[in-house]
Structure formats: C-alpha cells, structure tokens
Amino acid sequence: MKEFIKEYLEKVNIDINDEQAKQLETYGNMLREWNSVMNLTGITDKRDIVIKHFADSVIPLCYYDFGNKRVIDIGTGAGFPGLPMKIVRPDIELTLMDSLLKRINFLKTVGSEINIESEYIHGRAEDMGQDGMYREKYDIAVSRAVAPLNVLSEYALPFIKKGGAFIALKGPGVYDEIENSRNALYTLGGSISDLKLIALPDTDINHSIVIIEKISPTPENYPRRSKKIERSPL
C-alpha cells in the first residue's frame, strides 16, 4: 500500500517520502480497525481510503500556501482533511476540533502511533469560536463538512485572523452554495478569492475547493448558537 499511496498522490502533484507513506498507511489501517467498533467512515476499502480520503484531503496544498501556518480543521471527524495535510506538510501547526470525544480519542491515538504533533479540541465550533483562546487565532481554517457554505462560513470564519483564509472542500454542485453564501460572507468578514474544480484521477469523482479570504474581523455576535444557525442561516 505504501507504493500505491506514493504513486496516487503523485498523480495529484503531491510528492511524499517513504516515512510519510508509512504514516498514511498506518493511519488507514487504524481507521479501518477502529471503524469496526465506532462509526468513523463509510469508506473502508484500502485503495478507496487513499483516493477518497487522503488524496482528496491534501489537494488544497497545491492551491494555497500552508507553509508554517497555524491551521484548524473544524468538524474534523476521522481527521479529514487536517491530519493528511499535516503528514504531507509537517511544518503546519495543526489543531483538530470535533464535537465527539470518541473521535478526538481516536485521533490522539493515531497521532501518537505515527508520531504527529497536533492540538486536539473536544468542543463545538459555535462555542470555541467565541473563546478568546481560539477566536481569530488561526491563519487557515479547513473543513470537509457537508453543511452548506453559508453555514460552514459562520462556524469557520470567527477562527481566522484578518488576512487568513477559510478553505472549504465541497462537492461539484458548489455554484448555488456560493451564490447563497454571499450575504453570510459579507456579514462575517469573508470574500471568495478563488474556486478550483478538481477531478480525482482514475475516478469519476469531481470536487471543488473554495478559498475564502478573511478581509475584516467577524462581528462579536457570530457565531450564533447552532440551533439559530440552522433555523435562520445567514
């Protein structure tokens, strides 16, 4: 699997060494093992994990400068996209945040096993985004969550410093989400600077990367409580 990992990532213009390939291989094996007792992913085939989780997670490294940046992965789940990014770019200062403690415990175990340093936060974005320890402290926020872009932006933009960026990994039908997020971005201090459409090699999978620059501070009353965000999205 190490060779397949290296070969496939080369197809998306990501070069890794043998040690990084081994870290990803171990991560994939642990994901499959833990998934048998807790719900981490619906993708369990080894090669699919490489393509649909690892490669998909690290492609944004080709389109934005993550070097020596402080990065938070919001709603990281089983560690995507943040942990593969950290493996490929060890200079990233990574924070993984999730609302479920069992997922955080899984990620801590993986990090220890593959010798990756990260900060792990068990908490909800709407709470942590109001906390002075985390609010507007990060250069980059990333998320591969399934929420609409206007909702994701309210959770993510409060964490980002002015001049930083929110990088959202979305599906192919992102244009309506972008149109529906314009009011949210204006309100929260963000502005879309780029959109990349991505085709994963050797598959029929098409994804997109939305890059949102943080152009002004987020007003103090955001993020709101999750129920209010869901009932009345910006």
Protein backbone atom coordinates (compact mmCIF):
# COMPACT_ATOMS: atom_id res chain seq x y z
CA MET A 1 0.00 0.00 0.00
CA LYS A 2 2.89 2.39 0.60
CA GLU A 3 3.78 2.31 -3.08
CA PHE A 4 0.17 2.82 -4.13
CA ILE A 5 -0.11 5.78 -1.75
CA LYS A 6 3.01 7.41 -3.18
CA GLU A 7 2.01 6.72 -6.78
CA TYR A 8 -1.52 8.01 -6.41
CA LEU A 9 -0.51 11.18 -4.59
CA GLU A 10 1.99 11.87 -7.37
CA LYS A 11 -0.99 11.95 -9.73
CA VAL A 12 -2.38 14.91 -7.77
CA ASN A 13 1.06 16.60 -7.69
CA ILE A 14 1.89 15.66 -4.10
CA ASP A 15 5.30 14.08 -3.51
CA ILE A 16 5.92 12.22 -0.25
CA ASN A 17 8.76 10.13 1.12
CA ASP A 18 8.69 6.55 2.42
CA GLU A 19 8.15 7.64 6.02
CA GLN A 20 5.14 9.78 5.11
CA ALA A 21 3.70 6.92 3.05
CA LYS A 22 4.13 4.64 6.06
CA GLN A 23 2.35 7.16 8.30
CA LEU A 24 -0.58 7.31 5.90
CA GLU A 25 -0.66 3.52 5.61
CA THR A 26 -0.76 3.16 9.40
CA TYR A 27 -3.45 5.83 9.64
CA GLY A 28 -5.57 3.98 7.07
CA ASN A 29 -5.15 0.67 8.90
CA MET A 30 -6.16 2.24 12.21
CA LEU A 31 -9.14 3.91 10.56
CA ARG A 32 -10.38 0.54 9.33
CA GLU A 33 -9.70 -1.15 12.67
CA TRP A 34 -11.46 1.47 14.79
CA ASN A 35 -14.30 1.74 12.29
CA SER A 36 -15.32 -1.81 13.22
CA VAL A 37 -16.34 -0.59 16.68
CA MET A 38 -17.30 3.05 16.04
CA ASN A 39 -18.68 4.95 13.07
CA LEU A 40 -15.78 6.86 11.53
CA THR A 41 -16.25 6.40 7.79
CA GLY A 42 -18.37 4.63 5.23
CA ILE A 43 -15.26 4.18 3.08
CA THR A 44 -13.41 1.05 4.14
CA ASP A 45 -11.59 -0.29 1.07
CA LYS A 46 -7.86 0.44 1.41
CA ARG A 47 -7.48 1.96 -2.02
CA ASP A 48 -10.65 4.00 -1.66
CA ILE A 49 -9.31 5.42 1.60
CA VAL A 50 -6.19 6.58 -0.26
CA ILE A 51 -8.19 8.13 -3.09
CA LYS A 52 -11.32 9.47 -1.40
CA HIS A 53 -9.81 10.47 1.95
CA PHE A 54 -6.06 11.01 1.68
CA ALA A 55 -5.72 12.44 -1.83
CA ASP A 56 -8.91 14.47 -1.58
CA SER A 57 -7.67 15.95 1.71
CA VAL A 58 -4.23 17.05 0.53
CA ILE A 59 -5.09 18.51 -2.88
CA PRO A 60 -5.67 22.00 -1.37
CA LEU A 61 -1.94 22.09 -0.52
CA CYS A 62 -1.36 22.61 -4.25
CA TYR A 63 -3.51 25.74 -4.39
CA TYR A 64 -2.76 27.66 -1.20
CA ASP A 65 0.38 28.28 0.85
CA PHE A 66 0.09 26.27 4.07
CA GLY A 67 3.77 26.60 4.94
CA ASN A 68 4.37 27.24 8.66
CA LYS A 69 0.74 28.29 9.05
CA ARG A 70 -1.49 27.74 12.08
CA VAL A 71 -4.37 25.61 10.75
CA ILE A 72 -7.62 24.48 12.38
CA ASP A 73 -9.73 21.65 10.98
CA ILE A 74 -13.34 22.31 12.02
CA GLY A 75 -15.54 19.25 12.49
CA THR A 76 -12.62 17.04 11.57
CA GLY A 77 -14.43 13.73 12.16
CA ALA A 78 -11.92 10.98 11.45
CA GLY A 79 -9.22 13.59 10.78
CA PHE A 80 -10.03 14.82 7.29
CA PRO A 81 -8.67 16.93 5.77
CA GLY A 82 -6.35 18.14 8.54
CA LEU A 83 -4.37 15.06 9.51
CA PRO A 84 -3.30 14.02 5.98
CA MET A 85 -2.31 17.66 5.38
CA LYS A 86 -0.12 17.59 8.48
CA ILE A 87 1.53 14.32 7.41
CA VAL A 88 2.36 15.78 4.00
CA ARG A 89 3.35 19.21 5.40
CA PRO A 90 4.87 18.64 8.87
CA ASP A 91 5.54 22.39 9.20
CA ILE A 92 1.80 23.03 9.63
CA GLU A 93 0.79 23.85 13.22
CA LEU A 94 -2.41 21.81 13.32
CA THR A 95 -5.49 21.88 15.53
CA LEU A 96 -8.13 19.18 15.10
CA MET A 97 -11.55 20.04 16.51
CA ASP A 98 -14.61 17.82 16.81
CA SER A 99 -17.72 17.71 18.98
CA LEU A 100 -17.47 13.95 19.66
CA LEU A 101 -14.92 12.87 22.26
CA LYS A 102 -14.58 9.37 20.83
CA ARG A 103 -13.35 10.82 17.54
CA ILE A 104 -10.85 13.02 19.35
CA ASN A 105 -9.61 9.99 21.28
CA PHE A 106 -9.16 8.11 18.00
CA LEU A 107 -7.16 10.99 16.53
CA LYS A 108 -4.96 11.25 19.61
CA THR A 109 -4.20 7.54 19.33
CA VAL A 110 -3.34 7.88 15.63
CA GLY A 111 -1.16 10.91 16.29
CA SER A 112 0.75 9.06 18.98
CA GLU A 113 1.19 5.97 16.81
CA ILE A 114 2.54 7.84 13.76
CA ASN A 115 4.42 10.48 15.77
CA ILE A 116 2.42 13.51 14.62
CA GLU A 117 2.07 16.51 16.93
CA SER A 118 -1.29 18.26 16.94
CA GLU A 119 -3.63 20.11 19.26
CA TYR A 120 -6.90 18.27 19.86
CA ILE A 121 -10.04 20.14 20.87
CA HIS A 122 -13.19 18.41 22.01
CA GLY A 123 -15.82 21.09 21.50
CA ARG A 124 -18.39 22.70 19.26
CA ALA A 125 -17.41 25.34 16.75
CA GLU A 126 -20.07 27.78 18.00
CA ASP A 127 -18.56 27.62 21.50
CA MET A 128 -14.87 27.58 20.59
CA GLY A 129 -15.39 30.38 18.06
CA GLN A 130 -16.43 32.67 20.92
CA ASP A 131 -13.48 31.63 23.09
CA GLY A 132 -10.63 34.15 23.17
CA MET A 133 -8.09 31.32 23.11
CA TYR A 134 -9.19 30.36 19.62
CA ARG A 135 -11.11 33.26 18.11
CA GLU A 136 -9.21 34.85 15.21
CA LYS A 137 -6.02 32.99 16.18
CA TYR A 138 -5.56 30.88 13.04
CA ASP A 139 -4.07 31.58 9.62
CA ILE A 140 -6.22 28.97 7.91
CA ALA A 141 -9.40 27.07 8.71
CA VAL A 142 -10.27 23.96 6.70
CA SER A 143 -13.40 21.85 6.63
CA ARG A 144 -14.77 18.96 4.63
CA ALA A 145 -18.13 19.04 6.42
CA VAL A 146 -21.35 18.55 4.48
CA ALA A 147 -23.12 21.70 5.71
CA PRO A 148 -23.94 24.42 3.15
CA LEU A 149 -21.23 27.02 2.61
CA ASN A 150 -23.14 29.85 4.32
CA VAL A 151 -23.50 27.70 7.45
CA LEU A 152 -19.89 26.47 7.35
CA SER A 153 -18.68 30.05 6.99
CA GLU A 154 -20.38 31.12 10.21
CA TYR A 155 -18.67 28.29 12.06
CA ALA A 156 -15.25 28.79 10.44
CA LEU A 157 -14.59 32.48 9.81
CA PRO A 158 -14.56 33.50 13.52
CA PHE A 159 -11.41 31.37 14.00
CA ILE A 160 -9.42 33.09 11.25
CA LYS A 161 -7.17 36.12 11.55
CA LYS A 162 -7.67 39.02 9.18
CA GLY A 163 -5.57 38.19 6.14
CA GLY A 164 -6.05 34.44 6.60
CA ALA A 165 -8.34 32.10 4.72
CA PHE A 166 -11.10 29.54 5.06
CA ILE A 167 -10.63 26.65 2.64
CA ALA A 168 -13.77 24.60 2.17
CA LEU A 169 -13.72 21.24 0.40
CA LYS A 170 -17.03 20.86 -1.38
CA GLY A 171 -18.77 18.73 -3.98
CA PRO A 172 -19.26 19.53 -7.66
CA GLY A 173 -22.52 21.44 -7.27
CA VAL A 174 -20.96 24.32 -5.39
CA TYR A 175 -22.16 27.23 -7.51
CA ASP A 176 -25.56 27.54 -5.83
CA GLU A 177 -23.87 27.33 -2.42
CA ILE A 178 -21.54 30.17 -3.38
CA GLU A 179 -24.45 32.31 -4.54
CA ASN A 180 -26.39 31.59 -1.35
CA SER A 181 -23.39 32.43 0.84
CA ARG A 182 -22.78 35.98 -0.35
CA ASN A 183 -24.72 37.63 2.47
CA ALA A 184 -23.07 35.40 5.07
CA LEU A 185 -19.59 36.17 3.81
CA TYR A 186 -20.27 39.92 3.71
CA THR A 187 -21.60 39.79 7.27
CA LEU A 188 -18.80 37.60 8.65
CA GLY A 189 -15.84 39.38 7.04
CA GLY A 190 -15.07 36.95 4.22
CA SER A 191 -14.73 37.17 0.47
CA ILE A 192 -14.33 34.36 -2.07
CA SER A 193 -10.96 34.73 -3.78
CA ASP A 194 -10.76 31.51 -5.78
CA LEU A 195 -12.59 28.37 -6.81
CA LYS A 196 -10.81 25.24 -8.01
CA LEU A 197 -12.64 22.37 -9.69
CA ILE A 198 -10.89 19.04 -9.05
CA ALA A 199 -11.19 15.66 -10.78
CA LEU A 200 -9.69 12.78 -8.80
CA PRO A 201 -7.54 10.73 -11.20
CA ASP A 202 -8.81 7.32 -12.34
CA THR A 203 -12.29 8.03 -10.94
CA ASP A 204 -15.44 9.85 -11.97
CA ILE A 205 -15.31 11.93 -8.77
CA ASN A 206 -15.34 15.72 -9.12
CA HIS A 207 -14.87 18.02 -6.17
CA SER A 208 -14.24 21.71 -5.61
CA ILE A 209 -12.10 23.85 -3.35
CA VAL A 210 -13.49 27.22 -2.28
CA ILE A 211 -10.92 29.70 -0.96
CA ILE A 212 -12.41 32.46 1.19
CA GLU A 213 -10.16 35.29 2.33
CA LYS A 214 -10.73 36.90 5.73
CA ILE A 215 -10.85 40.59 4.84
CA SER A 216 -12.26 42.05 8.08
CA PRO A 217 -12.90 40.92 11.68
CA THR A 218 -16.02 38.87 12.36
CA PRO A 219 -18.61 40.77 14.45
CA GLU A 220 -18.67 39.65 18.09
CA ASN A 221 -22.19 38.18 17.93
CA TYR A 222 -21.03 35.47 15.50
CA PRO A 223 -21.04 32.51 15.55
CA ARG A 224 -24.55 32.21 16.95
CA ARG A 225 -25.91 29.12 18.70
CA SER A 226 -26.18 26.11 16.39
CA LYS A 227 -29.98 25.93 16.57
CA LYS A 228 -30.23 29.56 15.50
CA ILE A 229 -27.75 29.00 12.67
CA GLU A 230 -29.84 26.06 11.44
CA ARG A 231 -33.17 27.91 11.78
CA SER A 232 -32.01 31.20 10.30
CA PRO A 233 -28.84 30.75 8.18
CA LEU A 234 -27.26 33.98 7.02
